[in-house]
Protein backbone atom coordinates (compact mmCIF):
# COMPACT_ATOMS: atom_id res chain seq x y z
CA MET A 1 -256.75 13.01 68.29
CA ALA A 2 -255.54 16.55 68.76
CA GLY A 3 -254.07 16.25 72.20
CA LEU A 4 -256.52 13.44 72.98
CA GLU A 5 -258.66 16.04 74.67
CA ARG A 6 -262.36 15.49 74.05
CA GLY A 7 -262.98 19.16 73.38
CA ARG A 8 -260.34 19.28 70.65
CA CYS A 9 -260.90 15.97 68.90
CA GLY A 10 -263.51 15.41 66.23
CA LEU A 11 -263.92 11.75 67.15
CA GLY A 12 -266.82 10.48 69.23
CA GLU A 13 -266.12 8.79 72.55
CA ARG A 14 -266.23 5.27 71.05
CA GLU A 15 -264.08 6.20 68.05
CA LEU A 16 -261.54 7.90 70.29
CA GLN A 17 -261.30 4.81 72.50
CA ASP A 18 -260.91 2.59 69.42
CA GLN A 19 -258.13 4.87 68.17
CA LEU A 20 -256.32 4.77 71.51
CA THR A 21 -256.60 0.99 71.63
CA GLY A 22 -255.31 0.78 68.06
CA TYR A 23 -252.30 2.94 68.86
CA GLY A 24 -251.54 0.75 71.86
CA ASP A 25 -251.68 -2.36 69.67
CA VAL A 26 -249.54 -0.84 66.92
CA GLY A 27 -246.99 0.53 69.39
CA ARG A 28 -246.57 -2.75 71.26
CA GLY A 29 -243.15 -4.08 70.39
CA ALA A 30 -242.33 -1.12 68.16
CA ARG A 31 -238.82 0.26 68.11
CA PRO A 32 -238.66 4.08 68.20
CA THR A 33 -236.08 5.44 65.77
CA GLU A 34 -236.64 9.17 66.31
CA ARG A 35 -238.44 11.33 68.87
CA SER A 36 -238.46 15.11 68.97
CA ALA A 37 -241.09 17.72 69.74
CA ARG A 38 -242.18 17.80 66.09
CA ARG A 39 -241.42 14.31 64.78
CA ILE A 40 -241.72 10.71 65.89
CA ALA A 41 -240.65 7.69 63.89
CA LEU A 42 -240.74 4.02 64.71
CA GLU A 43 -240.27 0.58 63.29
CA ILE A 44 -243.46 -1.44 63.74
CA ALA A 45 -243.10 -4.97 65.11
CA PRO A 46 -243.39 -7.76 62.52
CA ASP A 47 -246.45 -9.31 64.19
CA VAL A 48 -248.58 -6.15 63.78
CA ASP A 49 -250.94 -6.48 60.83
CA ALA A 50 -250.21 -3.77 58.24
CA SER A 51 -253.94 -3.39 57.56
CA GLN A 52 -254.46 -2.43 61.21
CA VAL A 53 -251.86 0.33 60.83
CA GLU A 54 -253.51 1.52 57.61
CA GLN A 55 -256.96 1.63 59.24
CA LEU A 56 -255.59 3.59 62.20
CA LEU A 57 -253.90 6.07 59.87
CA ALA A 58 -257.02 6.53 57.73
CA VAL A 59 -258.94 7.67 60.79
CA GLU A 60 -256.07 9.88 61.93
CA ARG A 61 -255.79 11.59 58.54
CA GLN A 62 -259.49 12.51 58.70
CA CYS A 63 -259.33 13.67 62.30
CA CYS A 64 -256.03 15.59 62.17
CA PRO A 65 -255.19 16.57 58.59
CA PHE A 66 -252.40 18.83 59.83
CA LEU A 67 -250.29 15.77 60.69
CA THR A 68 -247.77 14.58 58.16
CA ILE A 69 -247.97 10.80 58.28
CA ASP A 70 -245.62 8.48 56.41
CA TRP A 71 -246.11 4.70 56.41
CA SER A 72 -243.86 2.30 54.55
CA PRO A 73 -245.43 -1.15 55.05
CA GLY A 74 -242.59 -3.03 53.34
CA GLU A 75 -240.02 -1.54 55.69
CA ARG A 76 -242.48 -1.36 58.63
CA LEU A 77 -241.55 2.30 59.17
CA LEU A 78 -244.10 4.78 60.48
CA SER A 79 -243.60 8.47 61.20
CA PHE A 80 -245.67 11.45 62.26
CA SER A 81 -244.63 15.09 62.16
CA VAL A 82 -246.13 18.51 62.69
CA ALA A 83 -245.21 21.89 61.25
CA ASN A 84 -245.44 24.16 64.27
CA SER A 85 -245.41 24.37 68.05
CA GLU A 86 -249.21 24.67 68.32
CA GLN A 87 -249.47 21.11 66.95
CA GLU A 88 -246.86 19.54 69.21
CA ALA A 89 -249.45 18.51 71.83
CA ALA A 90 -251.24 16.33 69.28
CA LEU A 91 -247.95 14.66 68.35
CA ALA A 92 -247.11 14.13 72.01
CA ALA A 93 -250.51 12.48 72.52
CA ILE A 94 -249.90 10.08 69.64
CA ALA A 95 -246.43 9.26 70.98
CA SER A 96 -247.92 8.55 74.40
CA ALA A 97 -250.63 6.33 72.92
CA LEU A 98 -247.92 4.43 71.02
CA GLY A 99 -245.91 4.05 74.23
CA ILE A 100 -243.03 6.25 73.06
CA GLN A 101 -241.31 8.25 75.79
CA PRO A 102 -240.92 12.02 75.45
CA PRO A 103 -237.54 13.42 74.38
CA GLY A 104 -235.11 13.05 77.24
CA GLY A 105 -237.57 10.77 79.05
């Protein structure tokens, strides 16, 4: 989903739309716990199926292996981080798809 820009994402149009829809579903009711330019973390709502999160993350790991993704299903904690400024746009796109406001926003 690198930036959610078609030219930079390895997903086809349908797969990209499915990923965006999945992020919207997972982010609904989530409680952000951290948001910076290089890291986002959130607590996933109890009514979101953990298998849906895992499926979403499996696709993301294939598409954007530069992302560090941590998912703790028992605690319902999910985080994404990037190592450098060139990757911040991809993280911002994921935050937006999840419905998380930018820092200071």
